[in-house]
Amino acid sequence: MAKFFIASLVDPASHPGGAGTYTRGLLGALKSSHVVHLVAPLHPPQAHGIGRAK
């Protein structure tokens, strides 16, 4: 059994979007046969004006 530490740019517990879904799926797949520790960000990423009207 391997031990993994995974750094993530999103917190899968609070991020409902695609990145959170992918991270939850990856963790679920790995946890079935390995020990997995997630290192989530301390603060949610900030939007930098991408896609916002000015």
C-alpha atoms as a PDB file:
ATOM      1  CA  MET A   1       0.000   0.000   0.000  1.00  0.00           C
ATOM      2  CA  ALA A   2       1.465   3.357  -1.044  1.00  0.00           C
ATOM      3  CA  LYS A   3       1.036   6.656   0.764  1.00  0.00           C
ATOM      4  CA  PHE A   4       0.223   9.714  -1.377  1.00  0.00           C
ATOM      5  CA  PHE A   5       0.263  13.410  -0.487  1.00  0.00           C
ATOM      6  CA  ILE A   6      -1.648  15.345  -3.151  1.00  0.00           C
ATOM      7  CA  ALA A   7      -1.564  19.133  -3.427  1.00  0.00           C
ATOM      8  CA  SER A   8      -4.750  20.580  -4.894  1.00  0.00           C
ATOM      9  CA  LEU A   9      -5.562  24.058  -6.167  1.00  0.00           C
ATOM     10  CA  VAL A  10      -9.200  23.589  -5.119  1.00  0.00           C
ATOM     11  CA  ASP A  11     -10.812  22.224  -1.979  1.00  0.00           C
ATOM     12  CA  PRO A  12     -12.936  19.344  -3.293  1.00  0.00           C
ATOM     13  CA  ALA A  13     -15.196  19.537  -0.231  1.00  0.00           C
ATOM     14  CA  SER A  14     -16.334  23.068  -1.047  1.00  0.00           C
ATOM     15  CA  HIS A  15     -15.746  23.420  -4.806  1.00  0.00           C
ATOM     16  CA  PRO A  16     -18.736  22.067  -6.776  1.00  0.00           C
ATOM     17  CA  GLY A  17     -17.252  22.703 -10.238  1.00  0.00           C
ATOM     18  CA  GLY A  18     -15.282  20.523 -12.616  1.00  0.00           C
ATOM     19  CA  ALA A  19     -11.966  20.737 -10.763  1.00  0.00           C
ATOM     20  CA  GLY A  20     -13.624  19.732  -7.483  1.00  0.00           C
ATOM     21  CA  THR A  21     -15.446  16.853  -9.165  1.00  0.00           C
ATOM     22  CA  TYR A  22     -12.242  15.600 -10.793  1.00  0.00           C
ATOM     23  CA  THR A  23     -10.317  15.846  -7.501  1.00  0.00           C
ATOM     24  CA  ARG A  24     -13.049  13.983  -5.582  1.00  0.00           C
ATOM     25  CA  GLY A  25     -13.020  11.236  -8.217  1.00  0.00           C
ATOM     26  CA  LEU A  26      -9.230  10.937  -8.144  1.00  0.00           C
ATOM     27  CA  LEU A  27      -9.185  10.770  -4.340  1.00  0.00           C
ATOM     28  CA  GLY A  28     -11.947   8.166  -4.319  1.00  0.00           C
ATOM     29  CA  ALA A  29     -10.126   5.971  -6.821  1.00  0.00           C
ATOM     30  CA  LEU A  30      -6.812   6.191  -4.982  1.00  0.00           C
ATOM     31  CA  LYS A  31      -8.302   5.723  -1.492  1.00  0.00           C
ATOM     32  CA  SER A  32      -9.684   2.322  -2.446  1.00  0.00           C
ATOM     33  CA  SER A  33      -6.181   0.810  -2.335  1.00  0.00           C
ATOM     34  CA  HIS A  34      -3.810   3.489  -0.957  1.00  0.00           C
ATOM     35  CA  VAL A  35      -3.436   5.945   1.908  1.00  0.00           C
ATOM     36  CA  VAL A  36      -4.137   9.438   0.549  1.00  0.00           C
ATOM     37  CA  HIS A  37      -3.638  12.823   2.224  1.00  0.00           C
ATOM     38  CA  LEU A  38      -4.942  15.924   0.469  1.00  0.00           C
ATOM     39  CA  VAL A  39      -3.208  19.268   0.921  1.00  0.00           C
ATOM     40  CA  ALA A  40      -5.970  21.738   0.022  1.00  0.00           C
ATOM     41  CA  PRO A  41      -5.513  25.504  -0.301  1.00  0.00           C
ATOM     42  CA  LEU A  42      -5.917  27.613   2.834  1.00  0.00           C
ATOM     43  CA  HIS A  43      -7.969  30.211   0.950  1.00  0.00           C
ATOM     44  CA  PRO A  44     -10.210  29.758  -2.102  1.00  0.00           C
ATOM     45  CA  PRO A  45      -8.709  31.072  -5.342  1.00  0.00           C
ATOM     46  CA  GLN A  46      -9.686  34.646  -6.195  1.00  0.00           C
ATOM     47  CA  ALA A  47     -11.228  35.545  -9.545  1.00  0.00           C
ATOM     48  CA  HIS A  48      -8.966  37.941 -11.402  1.00  0.00           C
ATOM     49  CA  GLY A  49     -11.571  39.550 -13.606  1.00  0.00           C
ATOM     50  CA  ILE A  50     -11.654  36.803 -16.198  1.00  0.00           C
ATOM     51  CA  GLY A  51     -15.107  36.625 -17.698  1.00  0.00           C
ATOM     52  CA  ARG A  52     -16.474  39.590 -15.756  1.00  0.00           C
ATOM     53  CA  ALA A  53     -17.951  42.589 -17.524  1.00  0.00           C
ATOM     54  CA  LYS A  54     -16.202  45.861 -16.827  1.00  0.00           C
END
